[in-house]
Amino acid sequence: MICSWLGRVAKSLDDMREGLRGLIDVPVYRENIGRRVREYALREYTNAVASRYLELVDSIRSREPVRAANGGTIP
């Protein structure tokens, strides 16, 4: 379970929308949440899982597709 200290915990669709809007509109908030999630992943998951997570995050940043384990791609 992801802790609320990683960011907001949405209790409704509107709350989720507001939280996502904050991530999109406020670079400092987005960077802070990103840093905390990265730290959480590195601390809580095995190196293989953390490495895959970081690969996915980096691919989203670069907007390049990532190869899925089954040979497909993850947009």
PDB file of N, CA and C in Angstrom:
ATOM      1  N   MET A   1       0.837  -1.181   0.000  1.00  0.00           N
ATOM      2  CA  MET A   1       0.000   0.000   0.000  1.00  0.00           C
ATOM      3  C   MET A   1       0.880   1.242   0.000  1.00  0.00           C
ATOM      4  N   ILE A   2       0.558   2.189  -0.830  1.00  0.00           N
ATOM      5  CA  ILE A   2       1.334   3.420  -0.901  1.00  0.00           C
ATOM      6  C   ILE A   2       0.861   4.374   0.184  1.00  0.00           C
ATOM      7  N   CYS A   3       1.794   4.904   0.899  1.00  0.00           N
ATOM      8  CA  CYS A   3       1.480   5.794   2.009  1.00  0.00           C
ATOM      9  C   CYS A   3       1.092   7.181   1.517  1.00  0.00           C
ATOM     10  N   SER A   4       0.301   7.877   2.325  1.00  0.00           N
ATOM     11  CA  SER A   4      -0.136   9.213   1.940  1.00  0.00           C
ATOM     12  C   SER A   4       1.022  10.203   1.880  1.00  0.00           C
ATOM     13  N   TRP A   5       2.160   9.903   2.531  1.00  0.00           N
ATOM     14  CA  TRP A   5       3.278  10.846   2.472  1.00  0.00           C
ATOM     15  C   TRP A   5       3.893  10.911   1.073  1.00  0.00           C
ATOM     16  N   LEU A   6       3.525   9.992   0.204  1.00  0.00           N
ATOM     17  CA  LEU A   6       4.014  10.067  -1.175  1.00  0.00           C
ATOM     18  C   LEU A   6       3.283  11.154  -1.950  1.00  0.00           C
ATOM     19  N   GLY A   7       2.146  11.534  -1.485  1.00  0.00           N
ATOM     20  CA  GLY A   7       1.335  12.545  -2.161  1.00  0.00           C
ATOM     21  C   GLY A   7      -0.062  12.534  -1.594  1.00  0.00           C
ATOM     22  N   ARG A   8      -0.991  12.964  -2.381  1.00  0.00           N
ATOM     23  CA  ARG A   8      -2.379  13.007  -1.941  1.00  0.00           C
ATOM     24  C   ARG A   8      -3.031  11.640  -2.080  1.00  0.00           C
ATOM     25  N   VAL A   9      -4.009  11.397  -1.231  1.00  0.00           N
ATOM     26  CA  VAL A   9      -4.821  10.198  -1.343  1.00  0.00           C
ATOM     27  C   VAL A   9      -6.195  10.655  -1.821  1.00  0.00           C
ATOM     28  N   ALA A  10      -6.556  10.270  -3.037  1.00  0.00           N
ATOM     29  CA  ALA A  10      -7.832  10.693  -3.614  1.00  0.00           C
ATOM     30  C   ALA A  10      -8.971   9.898  -2.993  1.00  0.00           C
ATOM     31  N   LYS A  11     -10.002  10.625  -2.605  1.00  0.00           N
ATOM     32  CA  LYS A  11     -11.177   9.980  -2.024  1.00  0.00           C
ATOM     33  C   LYS A  11     -12.348   9.985  -3.000  1.00  0.00           C
ATOM     34  N   SER A  12     -12.167  10.654  -4.128  1.00  0.00           N
ATOM     35  CA  SER A  12     -13.217  10.709  -5.142  1.00  0.00           C
ATOM     36  C   SER A  12     -12.571  10.993  -6.493  1.00  0.00           C
ATOM     37  N   LEU A  13     -13.352  10.861  -7.540  1.00  0.00           N
ATOM     38  CA  LEU A  13     -12.844  11.171  -8.875  1.00  0.00           C
ATOM     39  C   LEU A  13     -12.465  12.640  -8.991  1.00  0.00           C
ATOM     40  N   ASP A  14     -13.263  13.526  -8.414  1.00  0.00           N
ATOM     41  CA  ASP A  14     -12.939  14.952  -8.439  1.00  0.00           C
ATOM     42  C   ASP A  14     -11.642  15.235  -7.683  1.00  0.00           C
ATOM     43  N   ASP A  15     -11.449  14.567  -6.555  1.00  0.00           N
ATOM     44  CA  ASP A  15     -10.219  14.724  -5.780  1.00  0.00           C
ATOM     45  C   ASP A  15      -9.022  14.234  -6.580  1.00  0.00           C
ATOM     46  N   MET A  16      -9.181  13.115  -7.284  1.00  0.00           N
ATOM     47  CA  MET A  16      -8.109  12.588  -8.125  1.00  0.00           C
ATOM     48  C   MET A  16      -7.792  13.568  -9.252  1.00  0.00           C
ATOM     49  N   ARG A  17      -8.823  14.113  -9.862  1.00  0.00           N
ATOM     50  CA  ARG A  17      -8.645  15.084 -10.944  1.00  0.00           C
ATOM     51  C   ARG A  17      -7.884  16.312 -10.441  1.00  0.00           C
ATOM     52  N   GLU A  18      -8.243  16.789  -9.261  1.00  0.00           N
ATOM     53  CA  GLU A  18      -7.570  17.953  -8.681  1.00  0.00           C
ATOM     54  C   GLU A  18      -6.096  17.650  -8.398  1.00  0.00           C
ATOM     55  N   GLY A  19      -5.825  16.460  -7.858  1.00  0.00           N
ATOM     56  CA  GLY A  19      -4.446  16.069  -7.583  1.00  0.00           C
ATOM     57  C   GLY A  19      -3.612  15.961  -8.853  1.00  0.00           C
ATOM     58  N   LEU A  20      -4.194  15.379  -9.887  1.00  0.00           N
ATOM     59  CA  LEU A  20      -3.484  15.270 -11.172  1.00  0.00           C
ATOM     60  C   LEU A  20      -3.240  16.644 -11.786  1.00  0.00           C
ATOM     61  N   ARG A  21      -4.225  17.519 -11.655  1.00  0.00           N
ATOM     62  CA  ARG A  21      -4.058  18.876 -12.174  1.00  0.00           C
ATOM     63  C   ARG A  21      -2.893  19.579 -11.467  1.00  0.00           C
ATOM     64  N   GLY A  22      -2.766  19.340 -10.161  1.00  0.00           N
ATOM     65  CA  GLY A  22      -1.644  19.916  -9.428  1.00  0.00           C
ATOM     66  C   GLY A  22      -0.309  19.383  -9.925  1.00  0.00           C
ATOM     67  N   LEU A  23      -0.253  18.086 -10.222  1.00  0.00           N
ATOM     68  CA  LEU A  23       0.985  17.507 -10.753  1.00  0.00           C
ATOM     69  C   LEU A  23       1.332  18.087 -12.116  1.00  0.00           C
ATOM     70  N   ILE A  24       0.318  18.341 -12.925  1.00  0.00           N
ATOM     71  CA  ILE A  24       0.543  18.880 -14.267  1.00  0.00           C
ATOM     72  C   ILE A  24       0.932  20.353 -14.208  1.00  0.00           C
ATOM     73  N   ASP A  25       0.246  21.116 -13.364  1.00  0.00           N
ATOM     74  CA  ASP A  25       0.389  22.574 -13.364  1.00  0.00           C
ATOM     75  C   ASP A  25       1.511  23.123 -12.490  1.00  0.00           C
ATOM     76  N   VAL A  26       1.975  22.351 -11.494  1.00  0.00           N
ATOM     77  CA  VAL A  26       2.939  22.877 -10.523  1.00  0.00           C
ATOM     78  C   VAL A  26       4.223  22.038 -10.557  1.00  0.00           C
ATOM     79  N   PRO A  27       5.231  22.513 -11.299  1.00  0.00           N
ATOM     80  CA  PRO A  27       6.471  21.737 -11.444  1.00  0.00           C
ATOM     81  C   PRO A  27       7.136  21.375 -10.114  1.00  0.00           C
ATOM     82  N   VAL A  28       7.147  22.276  -9.155  1.00  0.00           N
ATOM     83  CA  VAL A  28       7.800  21.998  -7.870  1.00  0.00           C
ATOM     84  C   VAL A  28       7.081  20.857  -7.152  1.00  0.00           C
ATOM     85  N   TYR A  29       5.765  20.859  -7.178  1.00  0.00           N
ATOM     86  CA  TYR A  29       4.983  19.788  -6.558  1.00  0.00           C
ATOM     87  C   TYR A  29       5.275  18.460  -7.258  1.00  0.00           C
ATOM     88  N   ARG A  30       5.289  18.475  -8.582  1.00  0.00           N
ATOM     89  CA  ARG A  30       5.551  17.270  -9.377  1.00  0.00           C
ATOM     90  C   ARG A  30       6.941  16.717  -9.069  1.00  0.00           C
ATOM     91  N   GLU A  31       7.937  17.593  -8.993  1.00  0.00           N
ATOM     92  CA  GLU A  31       9.305  17.149  -8.704  1.00  0.00           C
ATOM     93  C   GLU A  31       9.410  16.577  -7.296  1.00  0.00           C
ATOM     94  N   ASN A  32       8.723  17.201  -6.334  1.00  0.00           N
ATOM     95  CA  ASN A  32       8.741  16.721  -4.958  1.00  0.00           C
ATOM     96  C   ASN A  32       8.098  15.342  -4.857  1.00  0.00           C
ATOM     97  N   ILE A  33       6.935  15.167  -5.454  1.00  0.00           N
ATOM     98  CA  ILE A  33       6.254  13.876  -5.429  1.00  0.00           C
ATOM     99  C   ILE A  33       7.105  12.828  -6.149  1.00  0.00           C
ATOM    100  N   GLY A  34       7.673  13.194  -7.304  1.00  0.00           N
ATOM    101  CA  GLY A  34       8.515  12.265  -8.050  1.00  0.00           C
ATOM    102  C   GLY A  34       9.704  11.796  -7.241  1.00  0.00           C
ATOM    103  N   ARG A  35      10.341  12.710  -6.528  1.00  0.00           N
ATOM    104  CA  ARG A  35      11.491  12.357  -5.694  1.00  0.00           C
ATOM    105  C   ARG A  35      11.069  11.406  -4.577  1.00  0.00           C
ATOM    106  N   ARG A  36       9.944  11.691  -3.922  1.00  0.00           N
ATOM    107  CA  ARG A  36       9.482  10.848  -2.827  1.00  0.00           C
ATOM    108  C   ARG A  36       9.074   9.458  -3.315  1.00  0.00           C
ATOM    109  N   VAL A  37       8.453   9.384  -4.468  1.00  0.00           N
ATOM    110  CA  VAL A  37       8.068   8.079  -5.012  1.00  0.00           C
ATOM    111  C   VAL A  37       9.309   7.271  -5.383  1.00  0.00           C
ATOM    112  N   ARG A  38      10.290   7.940  -5.971  1.00  0.00           N
ATOM    113  CA  ARG A  38      11.543   7.263  -6.329  1.00  0.00           C
ATOM    114  C   ARG A  38      12.220   6.703  -5.076  1.00  0.00           C
ATOM    115  N   GLU A  39      12.308   7.504  -4.020  1.00  0.00           N
ATOM    116  CA  GLU A  39      12.914   7.055  -2.764  1.00  0.00           C
ATOM    117  C   GLU A  39      12.141   5.864  -2.190  1.00  0.00           C
ATOM    118  N   TYR A  40      10.826   5.938  -2.245  1.00  0.00           N
ATOM    119  CA  TYR A  40       9.979   4.852  -1.744  1.00  0.00           C
ATOM    120  C   TYR A  40      10.251   3.563  -2.523  1.00  0.00           C
ATOM    121  N   ALA A  41      10.274   3.662  -3.842  1.00  0.00           N
ATOM    122  CA  ALA A  41      10.487   2.480  -4.678  1.00  0.00           C
ATOM    123  C   ALA A  41      11.847   1.854  -4.408  1.00  0.00           C
ATOM    124  N   LEU A  42      12.881   2.677  -4.288  1.00  0.00           N
ATOM    125  CA  LEU A  42      14.218   2.150  -4.039  1.00  0.00           C
ATOM    126  C   LEU A  42      14.322   1.496  -2.660  1.00  0.00           C
ATOM    127  N   ARG A  43      13.599   2.033  -1.692  1.00  0.00           N
ATOM    128  CA  ARG A  43      13.648   1.498  -0.333  1.00  0.00           C
ATOM    129  C   ARG A  43      12.786   0.246  -0.163  1.00  0.00           C
ATOM    130  N   GLU A  44      11.627   0.195  -0.801  1.00  0.00           N
ATOM    131  CA  GLU A  44      10.636  -0.837  -0.528  1.00  0.00           C
ATOM    132  C   GLU A  44      10.650  -2.036  -1.484  1.00  0.00           C
ATOM    133  N   TYR A  45      11.240  -1.893  -2.638  1.00  0.00           N
ATOM    134  CA  TYR A  45      11.177  -2.962  -3.632  1.00  0.00           C
ATOM    135  C   TYR A  45      12.560  -3.507  -3.937  1.00  0.00           C
ATOM    136  N   THR A  46      12.586  -4.712  -4.497  1.00  0.00           N
ATOM    137  CA  THR A  46      13.862  -5.312  -4.872  1.00  0.00           C
ATOM    138  C   THR A  46      14.524  -4.454  -5.946  1.00  0.00           C
ATOM    139  N   ASN A  47      15.800  -4.672  -6.140  1.00  0.00           N
ATOM    140  CA  ASN A  47      16.513  -3.912  -7.162  1.00  0.00           C
ATOM    141  C   ASN A  47      15.902  -4.116  -8.539  1.00  0.00           C
ATOM    142  N   ALA A  48      15.445  -5.313  -8.855  1.00  0.00           N
ATOM    143  CA  ALA A  48      14.858  -5.579 -10.166  1.00  0.00           C
ATOM    144  C   ALA A  48      13.575  -4.785 -10.357  1.00  0.00           C
ATOM    145  N   VAL A  49      12.721  -4.766  -9.346  1.00  0.00           N
ATOM    146  CA  VAL A  49      11.471  -4.019  -9.445  1.00  0.00           C
ATOM    147  C   VAL A  49      11.761  -2.525  -9.491  1.00  0.00           C
ATOM    148  N   ALA A  50      12.654  -2.052  -8.639  1.00  0.00           N
ATOM    149  CA  ALA A  50      12.996  -0.631  -8.625  1.00  0.00           C
ATOM    150  C   ALA A  50      13.615  -0.209  -9.959  1.00  0.00           C
ATOM    151  N   SER A  51      14.461  -1.044 -10.518  1.00  0.00           N
ATOM    152  CA  SER A  51      15.075  -0.725 -11.811  1.00  0.00           C
ATOM    153  C   SER A  51      14.027  -0.623 -12.903  1.00  0.00           C
ATOM    154  N   ARG A  52      13.078  -1.530 -12.910  1.00  0.00           N
ATOM    155  CA  ARG A  52      12.006  -1.508 -13.909  1.00  0.00           C
ATOM    156  C   ARG A  52      11.140  -0.268 -13.733  1.00  0.00           C
ATOM    157  N   TYR A  53      10.826   0.078 -12.493  1.00  0.00           N
ATOM    158  CA  TYR A  53      10.054   1.278 -12.206  1.00  0.00           C
ATOM    159  C   TYR A  53      10.783   2.513 -12.748  1.00  0.00           C
ATOM    160  N   LEU A  54      12.072   2.624 -12.452  1.00  0.00           N
ATOM    161  CA  LEU A  54      12.832   3.783 -12.912  1.00  0.00           C
ATOM    162  C   LEU A  54      12.918   3.816 -14.436  1.00  0.00           C
ATOM    163  N   GLU A  55      13.020   2.660 -15.058  1.00  0.00           N
ATOM    164  CA  GLU A  55      13.024   2.582 -16.522  1.00  0.00           C
ATOM    165  C   GLU A  55      11.705   3.123 -17.083  1.00  0.00           C
ATOM    166  N   LEU A  56      10.602   2.730 -16.471  1.00  0.00           N
ATOM    167  CA  LEU A  56       9.289   3.215 -16.919  1.00  0.00           C
ATOM    168  C   LEU A  56       9.154   4.721 -16.718  1.00  0.00           C
ATOM    169  N   VAL A  57       9.604   5.219 -15.560  1.00  0.00           N
ATOM    170  CA  VAL A  57       9.540   6.660 -15.299  1.00  0.00           C
ATOM    171  C   VAL A  57      10.376   7.418 -16.323  1.00  0.00           C
ATOM    172  N   ASP A  58      11.588   6.941 -16.578  1.00  0.00           N
ATOM    173  CA  ASP A  58      12.448   7.604 -17.561  1.00  0.00           C
ATOM    174  C   ASP A  58      11.841   7.567 -18.958  1.00  0.00           C
ATOM    175  N   SER A  59      11.165   6.474 -19.309  1.00  0.00           N
ATOM    176  CA  SER A  59      10.553   6.389 -20.640  1.00  0.00           C
ATOM    177  C   SER A  59       9.390   7.356 -20.771  1.00  0.00           C
ATOM    178  N   ILE A  60       8.658   7.555 -19.678  1.00  0.00           N
ATOM    179  CA  ILE A  60       7.554   8.518 -19.706  1.00  0.00           C
ATOM    180  C   ILE A  60       8.099   9.918 -19.901  1.00  0.00           C
ATOM    181  N   ARG A  61       9.193  10.218 -19.227  1.00  0.00           N
ATOM    182  CA  ARG A  61       9.814  11.539 -19.378  1.00  0.00           C
ATOM    183  C   ARG A  61      10.248  11.781 -20.824  1.00  0.00           C
ATOM    184  N   SER A  62      10.813  10.768 -21.448  1.00  0.00           N
ATOM    185  CA  SER A  62      11.326  10.933 -22.806  1.00  0.00           C
ATOM    186  C   SER A  62      10.269  10.634 -23.854  1.00  0.00           C
ATOM    187  N   ARG A  63       9.112  10.119 -23.416  1.00  0.00           N
ATOM    188  CA  ARG A  63       8.002   9.769 -24.309  1.00  0.00           C
ATOM    189  C   ARG A  63       8.379   8.696 -25.317  1.00  0.00           C
ATOM    190  N   GLU A  64       9.347   7.862 -24.945  1.00  0.00           N
ATOM    191  CA  GLU A  64       9.722   6.735 -25.790  1.00  0.00           C
ATOM    192  C   GLU A  64       9.022   5.487 -25.267  1.00  0.00           C
ATOM    193  N   PRO A  65       8.524   4.618 -26.149  1.00  0.00           N
ATOM    194  CA  PRO A  65       7.878   3.393 -25.672  1.00  0.00           C
ATOM    195  C   PRO A  65       8.893   2.457 -25.015  1.00  0.00           C
ATOM    196  N   VAL A  66       8.428   1.722 -24.032  1.00  0.00           N
ATOM    197  CA  VAL A  66       9.259   0.754 -23.319  1.00  0.00           C
ATOM    198  C   VAL A  66       8.810  -0.636 -23.714  1.00  0.00           C
ATOM    199  N   ARG A  67       9.739  -1.528 -23.894  1.00  0.00           N
ATOM    200  CA  ARG A  67       9.403  -2.914 -24.225  1.00  0.00           C
ATOM    201  C   ARG A  67       8.834  -3.611 -22.998  1.00  0.00           C
ATOM    202  N   ALA A  68       7.711  -4.220 -23.170  1.00  0.00           N
ATOM    203  CA  ALA A  68       7.091  -4.999 -22.093  1.00  0.00           C
ATOM    204  C   ALA A  68       7.740  -6.379 -22.040  1.00  0.00           C
ATOM    205  N   ALA A  69       7.587  -7.052 -20.924  1.00  0.00           N
ATOM    206  CA  ALA A  69       8.189  -8.378 -20.749  1.00  0.00           C
ATOM    207  C   ALA A  69       7.675  -9.365 -21.790  1.00  0.00           C
ATOM    208  N   ASN A  70       6.442  -9.162 -22.264  1.00  0.00           N
ATOM    209  CA  ASN A  70       5.867 -10.093 -23.242  1.00  0.00           C
ATOM    210  C   ASN A  70       6.196  -9.712 -24.684  1.00  0.00           C
ATOM    211  N   GLY A  71       7.084  -8.735 -24.877  1.00  0.00           N
ATOM    212  CA  GLY A  71       7.509  -8.361 -26.225  1.00  0.00           C
ATOM    213  C   GLY A  71       6.739  -7.187 -26.796  1.00  0.00           C
ATOM    214  N   GLY A  72       5.648  -6.786 -26.165  1.00  0.00           N
ATOM    215  CA  GLY A  72       4.896  -5.631 -26.635  1.00  0.00           C
ATOM    216  C   GLY A  72       5.543  -4.353 -26.148  1.00  0.00           C
ATOM    217  N   THR A  73       4.839  -3.254 -26.246  1.00  0.00           N
ATOM    218  CA  THR A  73       5.372  -2.006 -25.746  1.00  0.00           C
ATOM    219  C   THR A  73       4.391  -1.385 -24.764  1.00  0.00           C
ATOM    220  N   ILE A  74       4.916  -0.588 -23.872  1.00  0.00           N
ATOM    221  CA  ILE A  74       4.123   0.161 -22.915  1.00  0.00           C
ATOM    222  C   ILE A  74       4.244   1.615 -23.343  1.00  0.00           C
ATOM    223  N   PRO A  75       3.157   2.257 -23.702  1.00  0.00           N
ATOM    224  CA  PRO A  75       3.256   3.657 -24.193  1.00  0.00           C
ATOM    225  C   PRO A  75       3.723   4.613 -23.133  1.00  0.00           C
TER     226      PRO A  75
END
